[in-house]
C-alpha atoms as a PDB file:
ATOM      1  CA  MET A   1      13.846  -9.741  26.802  1.00  0.00           C
ATOM      2  CA  ALA A   2      12.313  -6.252  26.039  1.00  0.00           C
ATOM      3  CA  SER A   3       8.780  -6.467  25.550  1.00  0.00           C
ATOM      4  CA  PHE A   4       7.074  -5.359  22.696  1.00  0.00           C
ATOM      5  CA  LYS A   5       5.559  -2.658  24.635  1.00  0.00           C
ATOM      6  CA  ASP A   6       9.022  -1.790  25.897  1.00  0.00           C
ATOM      7  CA  THR A   7      10.412  -1.263  22.507  1.00  0.00           C
ATOM      8  CA  ASP A   8       8.371   0.758  20.755  1.00  0.00           C
ATOM      9  CA  PRO A   9       6.118   3.056  23.413  1.00  0.00           C
ATOM     10  CA  THR A  10       4.547   5.432  20.534  1.00  0.00           C
ATOM     11  CA  LEU A  11       2.243   2.673  20.257  1.00  0.00           C
ATOM     12  CA  GLY A  12       0.083   4.364  22.921  1.00  0.00           C
ATOM     13  CA  PHE A  13      -1.820   1.331  24.702  1.00  0.00           C
ATOM     14  CA  LEU A  14      -4.015   2.150  26.678  1.00  0.00           C
ATOM     15  CA  THR A  15      -5.876   0.681  30.020  1.00  0.00           C
ATOM     16  CA  ARG A  16      -9.377   0.723  31.976  1.00  0.00           C
ATOM     17  CA  LYS A  17      -7.760   4.243  33.634  1.00  0.00           C
ATOM     18  CA  ASP A  18      -6.552   5.758  30.821  1.00  0.00           C
ATOM     19  CA  ALA A  19     -10.398   5.176  29.107  1.00  0.00           C
ATOM     20  CA  ASP A  20     -11.849   6.513  32.480  1.00  0.00           C
ATOM     21  CA  VAL A  21      -9.892  10.002  32.089  1.00  0.00           C
ATOM     22  CA  MET A  22      -9.768  10.340  28.190  1.00  0.00           C
ATOM     23  CA  LEU A  23     -13.493   9.934  27.719  1.00  0.00           C
ATOM     24  CA  PRO A  24     -14.496  12.526  25.278  1.00  0.00           C
ATOM     25  CA  ARG A  25     -17.758  15.358  26.178  1.00  0.00           C
ATOM     26  CA  PRO A  26     -20.697  15.241  24.023  1.00  0.00           C
ATOM     27  CA  THR A  27     -20.810  18.001  21.207  1.00  0.00           C
ATOM     28  CA  ARG A  28     -23.980  19.174  23.287  1.00  0.00           C
ATOM     29  CA  LYS A  29     -24.552  19.306  26.780  1.00  0.00           C
ATOM     30  CA  ILE A  30     -26.872  16.241  28.004  1.00  0.00           C
ATOM     31  CA  THR A  31     -29.395  16.987  30.660  1.00  0.00           C
ATOM     32  CA  ASP A  32     -31.279  13.713  30.981  1.00  0.00           C
ATOM     33  CA  PRO A  33     -29.528  11.640  33.600  1.00  0.00           C
ATOM     34  CA  THR A  34     -30.694   8.063  31.719  1.00  0.00           C
ATOM     35  CA  GLU A  35     -29.318   9.724  28.011  1.00  0.00           C
ATOM     36  CA  LEU A  36     -26.167  10.938  29.951  1.00  0.00           C
ATOM     37  CA  ALA A  37     -25.517   7.336  31.365  1.00  0.00           C
ATOM     38  CA  ASP A  38     -26.265   5.729  27.889  1.00  0.00           C
ATOM     39  CA  TYR A  39     -23.483   8.106  26.299  1.00  0.00           C
ATOM     40  CA  CYS A  40     -21.185   6.887  28.712  1.00  0.00           C
ATOM     41  CA  LEU A  41     -21.622   3.585  28.696  1.00  0.00           C
ATOM     42  CA  ARG A  42     -21.319   3.792  24.697  1.00  0.00           C
ATOM     43  CA  LYS A  43     -18.127   5.959  25.080  1.00  0.00           C
ATOM     44  CA  ARG A  44     -16.506   3.732  27.230  1.00  0.00           C
ATOM     45  CA  LYS A  45     -17.342   0.402  25.314  1.00  0.00           C
ATOM     46  CA  GLU A  46     -15.568   2.118  22.140  1.00  0.00           C
ATOM     47  CA  PHE A  47     -12.642   2.397  24.021  1.00  0.00           C
ATOM     48  CA  GLU A  48     -12.997  -0.893  25.720  1.00  0.00           C
ATOM     49  CA  ASP A  49     -12.696  -2.238  22.208  1.00  0.00           C
ATOM     50  CA  GLN A  50      -9.958  -0.253  21.305  1.00  0.00           C
ATOM     51  CA  ILE A  51      -8.069  -1.693  23.854  1.00  0.00           C
ATOM     52  CA  ARG A  52      -8.999  -5.403  22.913  1.00  0.00           C
ATOM     53  CA  ARG A  53      -7.607  -4.327  19.781  1.00  0.00           C
ATOM     54  CA  GLU A  54      -4.293  -2.686  20.952  1.00  0.00           C
ATOM     55  CA  ARG A  55      -3.472  -5.763  23.320  1.00  0.00           C
ATOM     56  CA  THR A  56      -3.929  -8.395  20.425  1.00  0.00           C
ATOM     57  CA  LEU A  57      -1.529  -6.079  18.141  1.00  0.00           C
ATOM     58  CA  GLU A  58       0.981  -6.692  21.144  1.00  0.00           C
ATOM     59  CA  VAL A  59       0.884 -10.355  19.975  1.00  0.00           C
ATOM     60  CA  ASP A  60       2.000 -10.054  16.440  1.00  0.00           C
ATOM     61  CA  HIS A  61       2.226  -6.884  15.448  1.00  0.00           C
ATOM     62  CA  ARG A  62       3.895  -7.252  12.373  1.00  0.00           C
ATOM     63  CA  ASN A  63       0.752  -8.747  10.950  1.00  0.00           C
ATOM     64  CA  PRO A  64      -0.773  -6.838   8.005  1.00  0.00           C
ATOM     65  CA  THR A  65      -4.353  -8.319   8.803  1.00  0.00           C
ATOM     66  CA  LEU A  66      -4.758  -7.056  12.219  1.00  0.00           C
ATOM     67  CA  TRP A  67      -3.656  -3.546  11.513  1.00  0.00           C
ATOM     68  CA  ARG A  68      -6.088  -3.777   8.414  1.00  0.00           C
ATOM     69  CA  ASN A  69      -8.703  -4.243  10.656  1.00  0.00           C
ATOM     70  CA  TYR A  70      -7.857  -2.385  13.159  1.00  0.00           C
ATOM     71  CA  ALA A  71      -7.769   0.778  10.588  1.00  0.00           C
ATOM     72  CA  GLU A  72     -10.931  -0.205   9.049  1.00  0.00           C
ATOM     73  CA  ALA A  73     -12.762  -0.252  11.895  1.00  0.00           C
ATOM     74  CA  GLU A  74     -11.675   3.141  12.902  1.00  0.00           C
ATOM     75  CA  MET A  75     -12.529   4.039   9.171  1.00  0.00           C
ATOM     76  CA  LYS A  76     -16.290   2.567   9.628  1.00  0.00           C
ATOM     77  CA  ASN A  77     -16.658   4.729  12.828  1.00  0.00           C
ATOM     78  CA  LYS A  78     -15.529   8.092  10.747  1.00  0.00           C
ATOM     79  CA  PHE A  79     -12.555   8.709  13.289  1.00  0.00           C
ATOM     80  CA  ILE A  80     -11.019   9.382  10.323  1.00  0.00           C
ATOM     81  CA  ASN A  81      -7.737  10.867  12.324  1.00  0.00           C
ATOM     82  CA  HIS A  82      -7.238   7.559  14.473  1.00  0.00           C
ATOM     83  CA  ALA A  83      -7.604   5.616  11.057  1.00  0.00           C
ATOM     84  CA  ARG A  84      -4.703   7.626   9.526  1.00  0.00           C
ATOM     85  CA  ASN A  85      -2.901   6.887  13.090  1.00  0.00           C
ATOM     86  CA  VAL A  86      -3.404   3.391  12.706  1.00  0.00           C
ATOM     87  CA  TRP A  87      -2.132   3.359   9.376  1.00  0.00           C
ATOM     88  CA  ASP A  88       0.611   5.423   9.771  1.00  0.00           C
ATOM     89  CA  ARG A  89       1.715   3.125  12.745  1.00  0.00           C
ATOM     90  CA  ALA A  90       1.277  -0.291  10.503  1.00  0.00           C
ATOM     91  CA  VAL A  91       3.344   0.916   7.798  1.00  0.00           C
ATOM     92  CA  THR A  92       6.192   1.841   9.510  1.00  0.00           C
ATOM     93  CA  LEU A  93       6.572  -1.911  10.724  1.00  0.00           C
ATOM     94  CA  LEU A  94       8.320  -3.673   8.601  1.00  0.00           C
ATOM     95  CA  PRO A  95       7.228  -6.706   7.765  1.00  0.00           C
ATOM     96  CA  ARG A  96       8.875 -10.608   7.782  1.00  0.00           C
ATOM     97  CA  LYS A  97       9.568 -11.967   4.241  1.00  0.00           C
ATOM     98  CA  ARG A  98       6.416 -13.928   3.933  1.00  0.00           C
ATOM     99  CA  TYR A  99       4.469 -10.460   4.849  1.00  0.00           C
ATOM    100  CA  TRP A 100       5.728  -8.442   2.114  1.00  0.00           C
ATOM    101  CA  GLN A 101       3.223  -8.787  -0.720  1.00  0.00           C
ATOM    102  CA  ARG A 102       0.135  -8.095   2.183  1.00  0.00           C
ATOM    103  CA  TYR A 103       2.523  -5.543   3.330  1.00  0.00           C
ATOM    104  CA  ILE A 104       2.124  -3.419   0.159  1.00  0.00           C
ATOM    105  CA  TYR A 105      -1.718  -4.035   0.563  1.00  0.00           C
ATOM    106  CA  LEU A 106      -1.631  -1.937   3.926  1.00  0.00           C
ATOM    107  CA  TRP A 107      -0.358   0.814   1.944  1.00  0.00           C
ATOM    108  CA  ILE A 108      -3.049   0.224  -1.281  1.00  0.00           C
ATOM    109  CA  ASN A 109      -5.772   0.851   1.712  1.00  0.00           C
ATOM    110  CA  TYR A 110      -4.108   3.786   3.151  1.00  0.00           C
ATOM    111  CA  ALA A 111      -3.982   5.323  -0.414  1.00  0.00           C
ATOM    112  CA  LEU A 112      -7.050   4.638  -1.174  1.00  0.00           C
ATOM    113  CA  TYR A 113      -9.004   5.411   1.771  1.00  0.00           C
ATOM    114  CA  GLU A 114      -7.115   9.237   1.581  1.00  0.00           C
ATOM    115  CA  GLU A 115      -8.446   9.401  -1.590  1.00  0.00           C
ATOM    116  CA  LEU A 116     -11.528   7.882  -2.002  1.00  0.00           C
ATOM    117  CA  ASP A 117     -12.767   7.775   1.525  1.00  0.00           C
ATOM    118  CA  ALA A 118     -11.138  11.514   3.197  1.00  0.00           C
ATOM    119  CA  GLY A 119     -11.221  12.667  -0.399  1.00  0.00           C
ATOM    120  CA  ASP A 120      -7.372  14.015   0.399  1.00  0.00           C
ATOM    121  CA  MET A 121      -5.577  13.959  -2.371  1.00  0.00           C
ATOM    122  CA  GLU A 122      -2.235  15.237  -1.439  1.00  0.00           C
ATOM    123  CA  ARG A 123      -2.566  12.854   1.178  1.00  0.00           C
ATOM    124  CA  ALA A 124      -3.351  10.074  -0.960  1.00  0.00           C
ATOM    125  CA  ARG A 125      -0.445  11.153  -2.855  1.00  0.00           C
ATOM    126  CA  ASP A 126       1.924  11.198  -0.146  1.00  0.00           C
ATOM    127  CA  VAL A 127       1.310   7.699   0.950  1.00  0.00           C
ATOM    128  CA  TYR A 128       2.010   6.439  -2.597  1.00  0.00           C
ATOM    129  CA  ARG A 129       5.442   7.975  -2.760  1.00  0.00           C
ATOM    130  CA  LYS A 130       6.119   7.172   0.807  1.00  0.00           C
ATOM    131  CA  CYS A 131       5.534   3.553  -0.413  1.00  0.00           C
ATOM    132  CA  LEU A 132       7.618   3.359  -3.549  1.00  0.00           C
ATOM    133  CA  GLN A 133      10.393   4.852  -1.297  1.00  0.00           C
ATOM    134  CA  THR A 134      10.366   1.948   1.175  1.00  0.00           C
ATOM    135  CA  THR A 135       9.990  -1.206  -0.446  1.00  0.00           C
ATOM    136  CA  PRO A 136      13.197  -2.445  -1.295  1.00  0.00           C
ATOM    137  CA  HIS A 137      12.717  -2.897  -5.026  1.00  0.00           C
ATOM    138  CA  LYS A 138      16.073  -5.225  -5.667  1.00  0.00           C
ATOM    139  CA  LYS A 139      14.659  -7.412  -3.209  1.00  0.00           C
ATOM    140  CA  PHE A 140      10.813  -7.259  -3.753  1.00  0.00           C
ATOM    141  CA  SER A 141       8.992  -5.426  -6.157  1.00  0.00           C
ATOM    142  CA  PHE A 142       5.164  -5.003  -6.958  1.00  0.00           C
ATOM    143  CA  ALA A 143       3.919  -4.411 -10.198  1.00  0.00           C
ATOM    144  CA  LYS A 144       0.384  -3.283  -8.631  1.00  0.00           C
ATOM    145  CA  ILE A 145       1.441  -0.723  -6.455  1.00  0.00           C
ATOM    146  CA  TRP A 146       3.210   0.791  -9.298  1.00  0.00           C
ATOM    147  CA  LEU A 147       0.419   1.275 -11.884  1.00  0.00           C
ATOM    148  CA  LEU A 148      -1.685   1.733  -8.830  1.00  0.00           C
ATOM    149  CA  ALA A 149      -0.028   5.153  -8.420  1.00  0.00           C
ATOM    150  CA  ALA A 150       0.132   5.751 -11.986  1.00  0.00           C
ATOM    151  CA  GLY A 151      -3.527   5.570 -12.215  1.00  0.00           C
ATOM    152  CA  PHE A 152      -4.162   7.989  -9.117  1.00  0.00           C
ATOM    153  CA  GLU A 153      -2.344  10.384 -11.370  1.00  0.00           C
ATOM    154  CA  ILE A 154      -4.056   9.815 -14.412  1.00  0.00           C
ATOM    155  CA  ARG A 155      -7.333  10.237 -12.151  1.00  0.00           C
ATOM    156  CA  LEU A 156      -6.257  13.918 -11.654  1.00  0.00           C
ATOM    157  CA  LEU A 157      -4.894  14.802 -15.352  1.00  0.00           C
ATOM    158  CA  ASN A 158      -1.280  14.612 -14.343  1.00  0.00           C
ATOM    159  CA  LEU A 159       0.130  12.539 -17.316  1.00  0.00           C
ATOM    160  CA  GLU A 160       3.447  13.681 -16.795  1.00  0.00           C
ATOM    161  CA  GLY A 161       3.123  12.259 -13.295  1.00  0.00           C
ATOM    162  CA  ALA A 162       1.965   9.225 -14.372  1.00  0.00           C
ATOM    163  CA  ARG A 163       4.466   9.069 -16.867  1.00  0.00           C
ATOM    164  CA  GLU A 164       7.437   9.820 -14.138  1.00  0.00           C
ATOM    165  CA  ILE A 165       5.923   6.774 -11.691  1.00  0.00           C
ATOM    166  CA  LEU A 166       6.007   4.475 -14.670  1.00  0.00           C
ATOM    167  CA  GLY A 167       9.505   5.144 -15.901  1.00  0.00           C
ATOM    168  CA  THR A 168      11.015   5.175 -12.120  1.00  0.00           C
ATOM    169  CA  ALA A 169       9.561   1.537 -12.237  1.00  0.00           C
ATOM    170  CA  ILE A 170      10.850   0.534 -15.699  1.00  0.00           C
ATOM    171  CA  GLY A 171      14.182   1.694 -14.238  1.00  0.00           C
ATOM    172  CA  LYS A 172      14.077   0.044 -10.856  1.00  0.00           C
ATOM    173  CA  SER A 173      11.724  -2.911 -11.292  1.00  0.00           C
ATOM    174  CA  PRO A 174      11.249  -3.693 -14.911  1.00  0.00           C
ATOM    175  CA  LYS A 175       8.041  -6.118 -15.495  1.00  0.00           C
ATOM    176  CA  ASP A 176       6.008  -7.147 -17.895  1.00  0.00           C
ATOM    177  CA  LYS A 177       2.862  -5.403 -16.546  1.00  0.00           C
ATOM    178  CA  ILE A 178       4.310  -2.345 -16.439  1.00  0.00           C
ATOM    179  CA  PHE A 179       5.579  -1.964 -20.279  1.00  0.00           C
ATOM    180  CA  LYS A 180       1.791  -3.422 -20.928  1.00  0.00           C
ATOM    181  CA  LYS A 181       0.043  -0.860 -19.312  1.00  0.00           C
ATOM    182  CA  TYR A 182       2.398   2.130 -19.928  1.00  0.00           C
ATOM    183  CA  ILE A 183       1.960   1.203 -23.671  1.00  0.00           C
ATOM    184  CA  GLU A 184      -1.709   0.946 -23.686  1.00  0.00           C
ATOM    185  CA  ILE A 185      -1.731   4.471 -21.733  1.00  0.00           C
ATOM    186  CA  GLU A 186       0.263   5.924 -24.950  1.00  0.00           C
ATOM    187  CA  LEU A 187      -1.216   4.226 -27.731  1.00  0.00           C
ATOM    188  CA  ASN A 188      -4.778   5.423 -26.414  1.00  0.00           C
ATOM    189  CA  LEU A 189      -3.541   8.549 -26.620  1.00  0.00           C
ATOM    190  CA  GLY A 190      -2.034   8.234 -30.096  1.00  0.00           C
ATOM    191  CA  ASN A 191       1.548   8.720 -28.864  1.00  0.00           C
ATOM    192  CA  PHE A 192       3.391   6.081 -31.720  1.00  0.00           C
ATOM    193  CA  TYR A 193       6.584   7.506 -30.953  1.00  0.00           C
ATOM    194  CA  ARG A 194       6.618   6.589 -27.529  1.00  0.00           C
ATOM    195  CA  CYS A 195       4.883   3.448 -28.174  1.00  0.00           C
ATOM    196  CA  ARG A 196       7.864   2.503 -30.056  1.00  0.00           C
ATOM    197  CA  LYS A 197      10.385   3.658 -27.954  1.00  0.00           C
ATOM    198  CA  LEU A 198       8.527   1.698 -25.032  1.00  0.00           C
ATOM    199  CA  TYR A 199       8.640  -1.509 -27.227  1.00  0.00           C
ATOM    200  CA  GLU A 200      12.177  -1.230 -27.826  1.00  0.00           C
ATOM    201  CA  LYS A 201      12.975  -1.020 -23.877  1.00  0.00           C
ATOM    202  CA  TYR A 202      10.746  -3.658 -23.222  1.00  0.00           C
ATOM    203  CA  LEU A 203      12.302  -6.045 -26.028  1.00  0.00           C
ATOM    204  CA  HIS A 204      16.032  -4.925 -24.276  1.00  0.00           C
ATOM    205  CA  TRP A 205      14.714  -6.430 -21.078  1.00  0.00           C
ATOM    206  CA  PHE A 206      12.788  -9.501 -22.420  1.00  0.00           C
ATOM    207  CA  PRO A 207      14.093 -10.568 -25.579  1.00  0.00           C
ATOM    208  CA  GLU A 208      12.228 -13.628 -25.963  1.00  0.00           C
ATOM    209  CA  ASN A 209       8.625 -12.504 -25.143  1.00  0.00           C
ATOM    210  CA  CYS A 210       6.993 -13.242 -28.497  1.00  0.00           C
ATOM    211  CA  TYR A 211       3.341 -10.878 -27.350  1.00  0.00           C
ATOM    212  CA  ALA A 212       5.871  -7.984 -27.350  1.00  0.00           C
ATOM    213  CA  TRP A 213       7.429  -9.089 -30.751  1.00  0.00           C
ATOM    214  CA  THR A 214       4.099  -9.601 -32.275  1.00  0.00           C
ATOM    215  CA  LYS A 215       2.576  -6.049 -30.731  1.00  0.00           C
ATOM    216  CA  TYR A 216       5.423  -4.362 -31.807  1.00  0.00           C
ATOM    217  CA  ALA A 217       5.146  -5.936 -35.412  1.00  0.00           C
ATOM    218  CA  GLU A 218       1.128  -4.881 -35.156  1.00  0.00           C
ATOM    219  CA  LEU A 219       2.163  -1.478 -34.343  1.00  0.00           C
ATOM    220  CA  GLU A 220       4.577  -1.098 -37.160  1.00  0.00           C
ATOM    221  CA  LYS A 221       1.989  -2.279 -39.582  1.00  0.00           C
ATOM    222  CA  SER A 222      -0.879   0.170 -38.102  1.00  0.00           C
ATOM    223  CA  LEU A 223       1.732   2.970 -39.117  1.00  0.00           C
ATOM    224  CA  CYS A 224       2.322   1.888 -42.278  1.00  0.00           C
ATOM    225  CA  GLU A 225       5.702   1.006 -41.210  1.00  0.00           C
ATOM    226  CA  THR A 226       5.819  -2.211 -43.469  1.00  0.00           C
ATOM    227  CA  GLU A 227       9.630  -2.771 -43.705  1.00  0.00           C
ATOM    228  CA  ARG A 228      10.266  -2.290 -39.914  1.00  0.00           C
ATOM    229  CA  ALA A 229       6.706  -4.628 -39.343  1.00  0.00           C
ATOM    230  CA  ARG A 230       8.383  -7.378 -41.486  1.00  0.00           C
ATOM    231  CA  THR A 231      11.750  -7.324 -39.357  1.00  0.00           C
ATOM    232  CA  ALA A 232      11.066  -6.725 -35.871  1.00  0.00           C
ATOM    233  CA  PRO A 233       9.525 -10.157 -35.717  1.00  0.00           C
ATOM    234  CA  SER A 234      13.011 -11.835 -36.967  1.00  0.00           C
ATOM    235  CA  TYR A 235      14.940  -9.983 -34.542  1.00  0.00           C
ATOM    236  CA  SER A 236      13.551 -12.291 -31.916  1.00  0.00           C
ATOM    237  CA  SER A 237      15.327 -15.254 -34.121  1.00  0.00           C
ATOM    238  CA  ASP A 238      18.635 -13.878 -33.443  1.00  0.00           C
END
Protein backbone atom coordinates (compact mmCIF):
# COMPACT_ATOMS: atom_id res chain seq x y z
CA MET A 1 0.00 0.00 0.00
CA ALA A 2 1.36 3.38 -1.00
CA SER A 3 2.02 5.84 1.77
CA PHE A 4 0.28 9.20 1.88
CA LYS A 5 3.57 10.87 1.04
CA ASP A 6 3.79 8.76 -2.12
CA THR A 7 0.23 9.49 -3.24
CA ASP A 8 0.42 13.23 -2.68
CA PRO A 9 3.94 14.55 -3.32
CA THR A 10 2.70 18.16 -3.39
CA LEU A 11 2.49 18.32 0.38
CA GLY A 12 6.17 19.17 0.60
CA PHE A 13 7.23 17.27 3.70
CA LEU A 14 10.36 18.79 5.21
CA THR A 15 13.38 17.11 6.73
CA ARG A 16 16.06 18.42 9.05
CA LYS A 17 18.34 18.74 6.02
CA ASP A 18 15.70 20.86 4.27
CA ALA A 19 15.54 23.15 7.28
CA ASP A 20 19.28 23.70 7.17
CA VAL A 21 19.28 24.44 3.45
CA MET A 22 16.18 26.62 3.42
CA LEU A 23 17.02 28.74 6.44
CA PRO A 24 16.19 32.29 5.28
CA ARG A 25 18.70 35.07 5.53
CA PRO A 26 17.84 37.96 7.85
CA THR A 27 16.45 41.09 6.24
CA ARG A 28 19.24 43.14 7.82
CA LYS A 29 22.88 42.25 8.17
CA ILE A 30 23.72 40.76 11.57
CA THR A 31 27.35 41.08 12.63
CA ASP A 32 27.14 40.22 16.31
CA PRO A 33 27.88 36.47 16.69
CA THR A 34 25.51 36.01 19.62
CA GLU A 35 22.65 37.78 17.86
CA LEU A 36 23.27 35.77 14.70
CA ALA A 37 23.25 32.52 16.66
CA ASP A 38 19.98 33.50 18.33
CA TYR A 39 18.46 34.35 14.96
CA CYS A 40 19.43 30.99 13.47
CA LEU A 41 18.17 29.12 16.50
CA ARG A 42 14.84 30.92 16.36
CA LYS A 43 14.37 30.26 12.66
CA ARG A 44 15.36 26.62 13.01
CA LYS A 45 12.75 26.23 15.75
CA GLU A 46 10.14 27.64 13.39
CA PHE A 47 11.11 25.04 10.80
CA GLU A 48 11.06 22.26 13.39
CA ASP A 49 7.53 23.28 14.37
CA GLN A 50 6.56 23.16 10.72
CA ILE A 51 8.08 19.70 10.33
CA ARG A 52 6.11 18.40 13.29
CA ARG A 53 2.87 19.83 11.90
CA GLU A 54 3.50 18.21 8.51
CA ARG A 55 4.21 14.84 10.09
CA THR A 56 1.04 15.09 12.14
CA LEU A 57 -0.94 15.71 8.97
CA GLU A 58 0.50 12.52 7.52
CA VAL A 59 -1.33 10.54 10.21
CA ASP A 60 -4.83 11.76 9.32
CA HIS A 61 -4.42 14.20 6.47
CA ARG A 62 -8.15 14.74 5.89
CA ASN A 63 -8.90 15.85 9.44
CA PRO A 64 -10.01 19.50 9.03
CA THR A 65 -9.08 20.41 12.60
CA LEU A 66 -5.40 19.64 12.01
CA TRP A 67 -5.29 21.75 8.85
CA ARG A 68 -7.09 24.63 10.53
CA ASN A 69 -4.65 24.60 13.44
CA TYR A 70 -1.74 24.54 11.01
CA ALA A 71 -3.09 27.49 8.99
CA GLU A 72 -3.91 29.49 12.11
CA ALA A 73 -0.37 28.99 13.40
CA GLU A 74 0.99 30.44 10.15
CA MET A 75 -1.48 33.32 10.32
CA LYS A 76 -0.46 34.07 13.90
CA ASN A 77 3.16 34.35 12.79
CA LYS A 78 2.15 36.65 9.90
CA PHE A 79 3.30 34.15 7.26
CA ILE A 80 0.55 35.18 4.84
CA ASN A 81 1.68 33.30 1.75
CA HIS A 82 2.39 30.11 3.65
CA ALA A 83 -0.98 30.37 5.42
CA ARG A 84 -2.64 30.64 2.01
CA ASN A 85 -0.68 27.62 0.84
CA VAL A 86 -1.92 25.60 3.81
CA TRP A 87 -5.54 26.69 3.27
CA ASP A 88 -5.31 25.84 -0.44
CA ARG A 89 -3.96 22.39 0.29
CA ALA A 90 -6.52 21.77 3.01
CA VAL A 91 -9.58 22.57 0.92
CA THR A 92 -8.44 20.37 -1.98
CA LEU A 93 -8.59 17.27 0.22
CA LEU A 94 -12.21 16.13 0.07
CA PRO A 95 -13.25 14.84 3.48
CA ARG A 96 -14.85 11.69 4.68
CA LYS A 97 -18.62 11.91 4.96
CA ARG A 98 -18.62 12.70 8.66
CA TYR A 99 -16.27 15.65 8.13
CA TRP A 100 -18.33 17.62 5.60
CA GLN A 101 -19.60 20.30 7.97
CA ARG A 102 -16.14 20.83 9.46
CA TYR A 103 -14.75 20.90 5.92
CA ILE A 104 -17.09 23.77 5.06
CA TYR A 105 -15.80 25.63 8.11
CA LEU A 106 -12.30 25.34 6.64
CA TRP A 107 -13.54 27.28 3.63
CA ILE A 108 -15.31 29.79 5.88
CA ASN A 109 -12.17 30.40 7.94
CA TYR A 110 -10.14 30.72 4.74
CA ALA A 111 -12.54 33.31 3.29
CA LEU A 112 -12.67 35.29 6.53
CA TYR A 113 -8.87 35.23 6.71
CA GLU A 114 -8.61 36.74 3.22
CA GLU A 115 -11.23 39.39 3.97
CA LEU A 116 -10.40 40.39 7.54
CA ASP A 117 -6.71 39.57 7.99
CA ALA A 118 -5.18 39.79 4.51
CA GLY A 119 -7.65 42.41 3.29
CA ASP A 120 -7.82 40.81 -0.16
CA MET A 121 -11.46 41.01 -1.26
CA GLU A 122 -10.99 39.34 -4.63
CA ARG A 123 -9.29 36.36 -3.00
CA ALA A 124 -12.08 36.15 -0.44
CA ARG A 125 -14.70 36.20 -3.20
CA ASP A 126 -12.79 33.49 -5.05
CA VAL A 127 -12.69 31.32 -1.92
CA TYR A 128 -16.46 31.56 -1.49
CA ARG A 129 -17.00 30.83 -5.18
CA LYS A 130 -14.76 27.76 -5.16
CA CYS A 131 -16.41 26.44 -2.02
CA LEU A 132 -19.88 26.75 -3.52
CA GLN A 133 -18.68 25.06 -6.70
CA THR A 134 -16.99 22.20 -4.83
CA THR A 135 -19.75 21.34 -2.36
CA PRO A 136 -22.03 18.52 -3.64
CA HIS A 137 -25.27 20.33 -2.84
CA LYS A 138 -27.49 17.37 -3.74
CA LYS A 139 -25.76 15.27 -1.08
CA PHE A 140 -24.75 17.95 1.39
CA SER A 141 -25.44 21.66 1.53
CA PHE A 142 -24.88 24.12 4.32
CA ALA A 143 -27.06 27.26 4.45
CA LYS A 144 -24.38 29.11 6.41
CA ILE A 145 -21.88 29.21 3.52
CA TRP A 146 -24.51 30.62 1.13
CA LEU A 147 -25.48 33.29 3.66
CA LEU A 148 -21.87 34.22 4.42
CA ALA A 149 -21.06 34.51 0.72
CA ALA A 150 -24.09 36.76 0.21
CA GLY A 151 -23.23 38.79 3.31
CA PHE A 152 -19.72 39.33 1.95
CA GLU A 153 -21.14 40.82 -1.25
CA ILE A 154 -23.49 43.06 0.73
CA ARG A 155 -20.54 44.40 2.75
CA LEU A 156 -18.96 45.34 -0.57
CA LEU A 157 -22.26 47.01 -1.60
CA ASN A 158 -22.69 44.43 -4.37
CA LEU A 159 -26.41 43.80 -3.91
CA GLU A 160 -26.86 42.12 -7.28
CA GLY A 161 -24.04 39.72 -6.45
CA ALA A 162 -25.75 38.85 -3.17
CA ARG A 163 -29.06 38.29 -4.94
CA GLU A 164 -27.40 36.03 -7.48
CA ILE A 165 -25.88 33.91 -4.71
CA LEU A 166 -29.14 33.62 -2.77
CA GLY A 167 -31.12 32.89 -5.93
CA THR A 168 -28.68 30.12 -6.83
CA ALA A 169 -28.97 28.77 -3.29
CA ILE A 170 -32.76 28.53 -3.61
CA GLY A 171 -32.40 26.82 -6.97
CA LYS A 172 -29.83 24.26 -5.81
CA SER A 173 -30.68 23.75 -2.16
CA PRO A 174 -33.80 25.58 -0.93
CA LYS A 175 -33.56 25.95 2.83
CA ASP A 176 -35.71 27.72 5.38
CA LYS A 177 -32.84 29.91 6.63
CA ILE A 178 -31.99 31.09 3.12
CA PHE A 179 -35.57 32.16 2.38
CA LYS A 180 -35.83 34.00 5.70
CA LYS A 181 -32.60 35.94 5.21
CA TYR A 182 -33.31 36.77 1.56
CA ILE A 183 -36.78 38.08 2.46
CA GLU A 184 -35.33 40.05 5.38
CA ILE A 185 -32.82 41.74 3.05
CA GLU A 186 -35.47 42.70 0.49
CA LEU A 187 -37.88 43.83 3.20
CA ASN A 188 -35.25 46.15 4.68
CA LEU A 189 -34.72 47.60 1.21
CA GLY A 190 -38.45 48.15 0.75
CA ASN A 191 -38.66 45.77 -2.21
CA PHE A 192 -42.10 44.40 -1.39
CA TYR A 193 -42.70 42.94 -4.84
CA ARG A 194 -39.54 40.83 -4.47
CA CYS A 195 -40.66 39.80 -0.98
CA ARG A 196 -43.99 38.62 -2.36
CA LYS A 197 -42.30 36.54 -5.05
CA LEU A 198 -39.93 35.05 -2.48
CA TYR A 199 -42.81 34.11 -0.19
CA GLU A 200 -44.49 32.38 -3.13
CA LYS A 201 -41.33 30.33 -3.75
CA TYR A 202 -40.91 29.74 -0.02
CA LEU A 203 -44.42 28.29 0.21
CA HIS A 204 -43.91 26.26 -2.95
CA TRP A 205 -41.06 24.41 -1.24
CA PHE A 206 -42.52 24.45 2.26
CA PRO A 207 -46.33 24.45 1.85
CA GLU A 208 -46.95 23.41 5.46
CA ASN A 209 -44.69 26.05 7.01
CA CYS A 210 -46.97 28.02 9.34
CA TYR A 211 -44.31 30.69 9.91
CA ALA A 212 -44.09 31.41 6.18
CA TRP A 213 -47.86 31.65 5.77
CA THR A 214 -48.19 33.96 8.76
CA LYS A 215 -45.40 36.27 7.65
CA TYR A 216 -46.75 36.35 4.10
CA ALA A 217 -50.18 37.39 5.41
CA GLU A 218 -48.59 40.05 7.64
CA LEU A 219 -46.74 41.46 4.63
CA GLU A 220 -49.92 41.74 2.58
CA LYS A 221 -51.76 43.33 5.51
CA SER A 222 -49.00 45.90 5.94
CA LEU A 223 -49.35 46.76 2.25
CA CYS A 224 -53.11 47.20 2.69
CA GLU A 225 -53.71 44.16 0.50
CA THR A 226 -56.62 43.04 2.67
CA GLU A 227 -57.94 40.44 0.24
CA ARG A 228 -54.50 38.86 -0.22
CA ALA A 229 -53.92 38.86 3.54
CA ARG A 230 -57.28 37.19 4.12
CA THR A 231 -56.84 34.49 1.48
CA ALA A 232 -53.16 33.67 2.01
CA PRO A 233 -53.68 31.64 5.23
CA SER A 234 -56.56 29.74 3.63
CA TYR A 235 -54.19 28.29 1.04
CA SER A 236 -52.31 26.48 3.77
CA SER A 237 -55.39 24.49 4.72
CA ASP A 238 -56.04 23.24 1.17
